[in-house]
Amino acid sequence: MQAYKFNTRVSDKGIISLPYEPELFNTEVEIIVLPKIKVRTESKEKYTTEDFLKEFSGCLKDLSQEDTDDLRYEYLKKKYQLFSENVSEEDVNEARYKYLTGKYK
């Protein structure tokens, strides 16, 4: 069954107009009316970069750069499933070295 979705407005006389769709002519249809939810237009203050920094700065202050690099590496390793049967431990260590130092052997 083909379904059609139209956005329209119910007139002040209660009439609903559908767009021109010849496939629907002389056809019995079922109509479900879903009133649109009005979006509140109250403008809240935008969450700025400065707000983010105020909220989260210092949350990792007890960790060294090396610790945060290790945590980032562990996260990425899990995300991309770096360990597999086709990747040797040596390759992983070399990739980690390149990642942490930005140097390529």
N, C-alpha and C. Protein backbone atom coordinates (compact mmCIF):
# COMPACT_ATOMS: atom_id res chain seq x y z
N MET A 1 0.84 -1.17 0.00
CA MET A 1 0.00 0.00 0.00
C MET A 1 0.89 1.23 0.00
N GLN A 2 0.63 2.15 -0.90
CA GLN A 2 1.35 3.41 -1.01
C GLN A 2 0.81 4.38 0.03
N ALA A 3 1.71 5.06 0.71
CA ALA A 3 1.30 6.06 1.71
C ALA A 3 1.74 7.43 1.22
N TYR A 4 0.96 8.43 1.52
CA TYR A 4 1.26 9.80 1.14
C TYR A 4 1.29 10.64 2.41
N LYS A 5 2.20 11.56 2.45
CA LYS A 5 2.26 12.48 3.58
C LYS A 5 2.21 13.90 3.03
N PHE A 6 1.25 14.67 3.54
CA PHE A 6 1.10 16.05 3.12
C PHE A 6 1.06 16.94 4.34
N ASN A 7 1.68 18.07 4.23
CA ASN A 7 1.53 19.11 5.25
C ASN A 7 0.53 20.11 4.70
N THR A 8 -0.51 20.34 5.44
CA THR A 8 -1.55 21.27 4.99
C THR A 8 -2.16 21.94 6.21
N ARG A 9 -3.12 22.79 5.97
CA ARG A 9 -3.77 23.52 7.06
C ARG A 9 -5.28 23.31 6.95
N VAL A 10 -5.90 23.10 8.08
CA VAL A 10 -7.36 23.01 8.12
C VAL A 10 -7.88 24.45 8.09
N SER A 11 -8.77 24.71 7.13
CA SER A 11 -9.27 26.08 6.99
C SER A 11 -10.18 26.43 8.17
N ASP A 12 -10.52 27.70 8.28
CA ASP A 12 -11.41 28.14 9.36
C ASP A 12 -12.81 27.54 9.23
N LYS A 13 -13.11 26.96 8.07
CA LYS A 13 -14.39 26.28 7.86
C LYS A 13 -14.25 24.77 8.03
N GLY A 14 -13.06 24.30 8.41
CA GLY A 14 -12.84 22.87 8.64
C GLY A 14 -12.53 22.08 7.39
N ILE A 15 -12.11 22.73 6.34
CA ILE A 15 -11.83 22.05 5.07
C ILE A 15 -10.34 21.76 4.97
N ILE A 16 -10.04 20.54 4.55
CA ILE A 16 -8.65 20.14 4.31
C ILE A 16 -8.46 20.00 2.81
N SER A 17 -7.46 20.66 2.28
CA SER A 17 -7.15 20.55 0.85
C SER A 17 -5.91 19.70 0.68
N LEU A 18 -5.99 18.77 -0.27
CA LEU A 18 -4.85 17.91 -0.57
C LEU A 18 -4.18 18.39 -1.85
N PRO A 19 -2.89 18.17 -1.97
CA PRO A 19 -2.22 18.49 -3.22
C PRO A 19 -2.76 17.63 -4.36
N TYR A 20 -2.53 18.06 -5.56
CA TYR A 20 -3.00 17.37 -6.75
C TYR A 20 -2.28 16.03 -6.88
N GLU A 21 -3.01 14.94 -6.66
CA GLU A 21 -2.47 13.58 -6.78
C GLU A 21 -3.48 12.73 -7.55
N PRO A 22 -3.34 12.62 -8.86
CA PRO A 22 -4.30 11.87 -9.67
C PRO A 22 -4.49 10.42 -9.22
N GLU A 23 -3.46 9.82 -8.60
CA GLU A 23 -3.58 8.44 -8.16
C GLU A 23 -4.68 8.28 -7.10
N LEU A 24 -5.00 9.38 -6.40
CA LEU A 24 -5.99 9.32 -5.33
C LEU A 24 -7.41 9.63 -5.82
N PHE A 25 -7.55 10.06 -7.05
CA PHE A 25 -8.88 10.43 -7.55
C PHE A 25 -9.81 9.22 -7.53
N ASN A 26 -11.04 9.45 -7.08
CA ASN A 26 -12.08 8.45 -7.06
C ASN A 26 -11.63 7.20 -6.27
N THR A 27 -10.89 7.42 -5.18
CA THR A 27 -10.39 6.34 -4.35
C THR A 27 -10.79 6.60 -2.91
N GLU A 28 -11.19 5.55 -2.23
CA GLU A 28 -11.51 5.69 -0.82
C GLU A 28 -10.19 5.70 -0.05
N VAL A 29 -10.05 6.65 0.89
CA VAL A 29 -8.80 6.79 1.65
C VAL A 29 -9.11 6.88 3.14
N GLU A 30 -8.12 6.58 3.92
CA GLU A 30 -8.21 6.77 5.35
C GLU A 30 -7.32 7.97 5.70
N ILE A 31 -7.86 8.90 6.45
CA ILE A 31 -7.12 10.10 6.79
C ILE A 31 -6.90 10.14 8.29
N ILE A 32 -5.65 10.36 8.66
CA ILE A 32 -5.28 10.53 10.07
C ILE A 32 -4.78 11.97 10.20
N VAL A 33 -5.33 12.70 11.12
CA VAL A 33 -4.93 14.09 11.31
C VAL A 33 -4.06 14.19 12.55
N LEU A 34 -2.85 14.70 12.37
CA LEU A 34 -1.94 14.92 13.48
C LEU A 34 -1.64 16.41 13.57
N PRO A 35 -2.21 17.09 14.56
CA PRO A 35 -1.90 18.51 14.69
C PRO A 35 -0.41 18.70 14.93
N LYS A 36 0.16 19.70 14.27
CA LYS A 36 1.58 19.99 14.47
C LYS A 36 1.77 20.58 15.85
N ILE A 37 2.84 20.18 16.47
CA ILE A 37 3.18 20.70 17.79
C ILE A 37 3.87 22.04 17.58
N LYS A 38 3.39 23.04 18.29
CA LYS A 38 4.01 24.35 18.17
C LYS A 38 5.33 24.33 18.92
N VAL A 39 6.35 24.79 18.25
CA VAL A 39 7.67 24.86 18.85
C VAL A 39 7.77 26.16 19.63
N ARG A 40 8.22 26.02 20.86
CA ARG A 40 8.37 27.22 21.68
C ARG A 40 9.46 28.08 21.08
N THR A 41 9.15 29.34 20.94
CA THR A 41 10.11 30.24 20.32
C THR A 41 10.88 31.06 21.35
N GLU A 42 10.72 30.69 22.62
CA GLU A 42 11.49 31.40 23.63
C GLU A 42 12.96 31.13 23.35
N SER A 43 13.71 32.18 23.24
CA SER A 43 15.12 31.99 22.95
C SER A 43 15.89 31.87 24.26
N LYS A 44 16.41 30.68 24.46
CA LYS A 44 17.26 30.47 25.61
C LYS A 44 18.65 30.98 25.22
N GLU A 45 19.43 31.29 26.23
CA GLU A 45 20.79 31.71 25.93
C GLU A 45 21.51 30.54 25.28
N LYS A 46 22.26 30.86 24.24
CA LYS A 46 23.01 29.81 23.55
C LYS A 46 24.15 29.34 24.42
N TYR A 47 24.43 28.07 24.31
CA TYR A 47 25.53 27.45 25.04
C TYR A 47 26.80 27.71 24.25
N THR A 48 27.59 28.64 24.70
CA THR A 48 28.77 29.07 23.96
C THR A 48 29.98 28.21 24.30
N THR A 49 31.01 28.41 23.54
CA THR A 49 32.27 27.72 23.79
C THR A 49 32.81 28.09 25.16
N GLU A 50 32.67 29.35 25.51
CA GLU A 50 33.14 29.80 26.81
C GLU A 50 32.38 29.09 27.94
N ASP A 51 31.07 28.90 27.76
CA ASP A 51 30.28 28.18 28.76
C ASP A 51 30.79 26.75 28.91
N PHE A 52 31.07 26.11 27.79
CA PHE A 52 31.58 24.74 27.81
C PHE A 52 32.90 24.69 28.56
N LEU A 53 33.80 25.62 28.24
CA LEU A 53 35.11 25.62 28.90
C LEU A 53 34.99 25.87 30.39
N LYS A 54 34.10 26.76 30.79
CA LYS A 54 33.89 27.02 32.21
C LYS A 54 33.40 25.77 32.93
N GLU A 55 32.51 25.05 32.27
CA GLU A 55 31.91 23.86 32.89
C GLU A 55 32.89 22.70 32.99
N PHE A 56 33.70 22.50 31.94
CA PHE A 56 34.51 21.29 31.89
C PHE A 56 36.01 21.51 32.07
N SER A 57 36.47 22.74 32.13
CA SER A 57 37.90 22.94 32.29
C SER A 57 38.33 22.44 33.66
N GLY A 58 39.45 21.77 33.68
CA GLY A 58 39.98 21.26 34.94
C GLY A 58 39.46 19.89 35.33
N CYS A 59 38.53 19.32 34.56
CA CYS A 59 37.99 18.02 34.96
C CYS A 59 39.03 16.91 34.82
N LEU A 60 40.05 17.14 34.02
CA LEU A 60 41.12 16.17 33.87
C LEU A 60 42.45 16.71 34.40
N LYS A 61 42.37 17.68 35.31
CA LYS A 61 43.60 18.35 35.76
C LYS A 61 44.55 17.42 36.50
N ASP A 62 44.06 16.34 37.07
CA ASP A 62 44.93 15.43 37.80
C ASP A 62 45.62 14.42 36.89
N LEU A 63 45.31 14.47 35.59
CA LEU A 63 45.93 13.55 34.65
C LEU A 63 47.02 14.26 33.86
N SER A 64 48.12 13.55 33.64
CA SER A 64 49.20 14.12 32.84
C SER A 64 48.83 14.01 31.36
N GLN A 65 49.62 14.69 30.53
CA GLN A 65 49.40 14.60 29.08
C GLN A 65 49.55 13.15 28.62
N GLU A 66 50.51 12.44 29.21
CA GLU A 66 50.72 11.04 28.85
C GLU A 66 49.50 10.20 29.21
N ASP A 67 48.90 10.47 30.39
CA ASP A 67 47.71 9.72 30.80
C ASP A 67 46.55 9.97 29.84
N THR A 68 46.35 11.23 29.47
CA THR A 68 45.23 11.53 28.56
C THR A 68 45.49 10.93 27.18
N ASP A 69 46.77 10.92 26.75
CA ASP A 69 47.10 10.28 25.48
C ASP A 69 46.81 8.78 25.54
N ASP A 70 47.16 8.16 26.67
CA ASP A 70 46.88 6.73 26.83
C ASP A 70 45.38 6.45 26.80
N LEU A 71 44.61 7.29 27.49
CA LEU A 71 43.16 7.11 27.50
C LEU A 71 42.58 7.28 26.10
N ARG A 72 43.06 8.28 25.38
CA ARG A 72 42.59 8.52 24.01
C ARG A 72 42.95 7.33 23.12
N TYR A 73 44.17 6.83 23.28
CA TYR A 73 44.60 5.68 22.50
C TYR A 73 43.74 4.45 22.79
N GLU A 74 43.47 4.18 24.06
CA GLU A 74 42.65 3.03 24.43
C GLU A 74 41.25 3.15 23.86
N TYR A 75 40.69 4.36 23.90
CA TYR A 75 39.36 4.59 23.33
C TYR A 75 39.37 4.31 21.83
N LEU A 76 40.34 4.88 21.12
CA LEU A 76 40.40 4.69 19.67
C LEU A 76 40.67 3.23 19.31
N LYS A 77 41.48 2.56 20.12
CA LYS A 77 41.77 1.14 19.88
C LYS A 77 40.48 0.34 19.93
N LYS A 78 39.66 0.61 20.94
CA LYS A 78 38.38 -0.10 21.04
C LYS A 78 37.44 0.29 19.91
N LYS A 79 37.40 1.59 19.63
CA LYS A 79 36.47 2.08 18.60
C LYS A 79 36.76 1.45 17.25
N TYR A 80 38.01 1.39 16.88
CA TYR A 80 38.37 0.88 15.56
C TYR A 80 38.89 -0.55 15.60
N GLN A 81 38.76 -1.20 16.74
CA GLN A 81 39.17 -2.58 16.91
C GLN A 81 40.55 -2.82 16.30
N LEU A 82 41.51 -2.06 16.83
CA LEU A 82 42.86 -2.08 16.29
C LEU A 82 43.50 -3.46 16.38
N PHE A 83 43.21 -4.18 17.47
CA PHE A 83 43.78 -5.51 17.60
C PHE A 83 42.94 -6.51 16.81
N SER A 84 43.58 -7.19 15.93
CA SER A 84 42.92 -8.27 15.22
C SER A 84 43.99 -9.30 14.88
N GLU A 85 43.59 -10.38 14.31
CA GLU A 85 44.55 -11.43 13.98
C GLU A 85 45.53 -10.97 12.91
N ASN A 86 45.16 -9.99 12.11
CA ASN A 86 46.00 -9.55 11.00
C ASN A 86 46.99 -8.46 11.39
N VAL A 87 46.93 -7.97 12.62
CA VAL A 87 47.79 -6.89 13.05
C VAL A 87 48.69 -7.39 14.17
N SER A 88 49.98 -7.23 13.98
CA SER A 88 50.92 -7.71 14.99
C SER A 88 51.05 -6.70 16.12
N GLU A 89 51.53 -7.16 17.24
CA GLU A 89 51.76 -6.29 18.40
C GLU A 89 52.77 -5.20 18.04
N GLU A 90 53.76 -5.56 17.23
CA GLU A 90 54.78 -4.59 16.80
C GLU A 90 54.16 -3.47 15.96
N ASP A 91 53.26 -3.84 15.05
CA ASP A 91 52.57 -2.83 14.24
C ASP A 91 51.75 -1.89 15.10
N VAL A 92 51.12 -2.46 16.11
CA VAL A 92 50.30 -1.65 17.01
C VAL A 92 51.18 -0.68 17.79
N ASN A 93 52.31 -1.17 18.29
CA ASN A 93 53.21 -0.31 19.04
C ASN A 93 53.78 0.81 18.17
N GLU A 94 54.09 0.48 16.92
CA GLU A 94 54.59 1.50 16.01
C GLU A 94 53.52 2.55 15.72
N ALA A 95 52.29 2.11 15.52
CA ALA A 95 51.18 3.06 15.28
C ALA A 95 50.96 3.93 16.51
N ARG A 96 51.08 3.33 17.67
CA ARG A 96 50.92 4.11 18.91
C ARG A 96 52.03 5.14 19.04
N TYR A 97 53.26 4.75 18.74
CA TYR A 97 54.39 5.67 18.79
C TYR A 97 54.15 6.85 17.85
N LYS A 98 53.74 6.55 16.63
CA LYS A 98 53.47 7.61 15.66
C LYS A 98 52.35 8.53 16.15
N TYR A 99 51.33 7.95 16.72
CA TYR A 99 50.20 8.73 17.22
C TYR A 99 50.63 9.66 18.36
N LEU A 100 51.38 9.11 19.31
CA LEU A 100 51.75 9.87 20.50
C LEU A 100 52.81 10.93 20.21
N THR A 101 53.71 10.66 19.30
CA THR A 101 54.82 11.58 19.06
C THR A 101 54.64 12.43 17.82
N GLY A 102 53.79 11.98 16.93
CA GLY A 102 53.63 12.69 15.66
C GLY A 102 54.82 12.42 14.75
N LYS A 103 55.70 11.51 15.14
CA LYS A 103 56.90 11.18 14.36
C LYS A 103 56.68 9.87 13.62
N TYR A 104 57.29 9.81 12.48
CA TYR A 104 57.21 8.58 11.70
C TYR A 104 58.61 8.05 11.52
N LYS A 105 58.82 6.79 11.87
CA LYS A 105 60.15 6.17 11.78
C LYS A 105 60.56 6.01 10.34
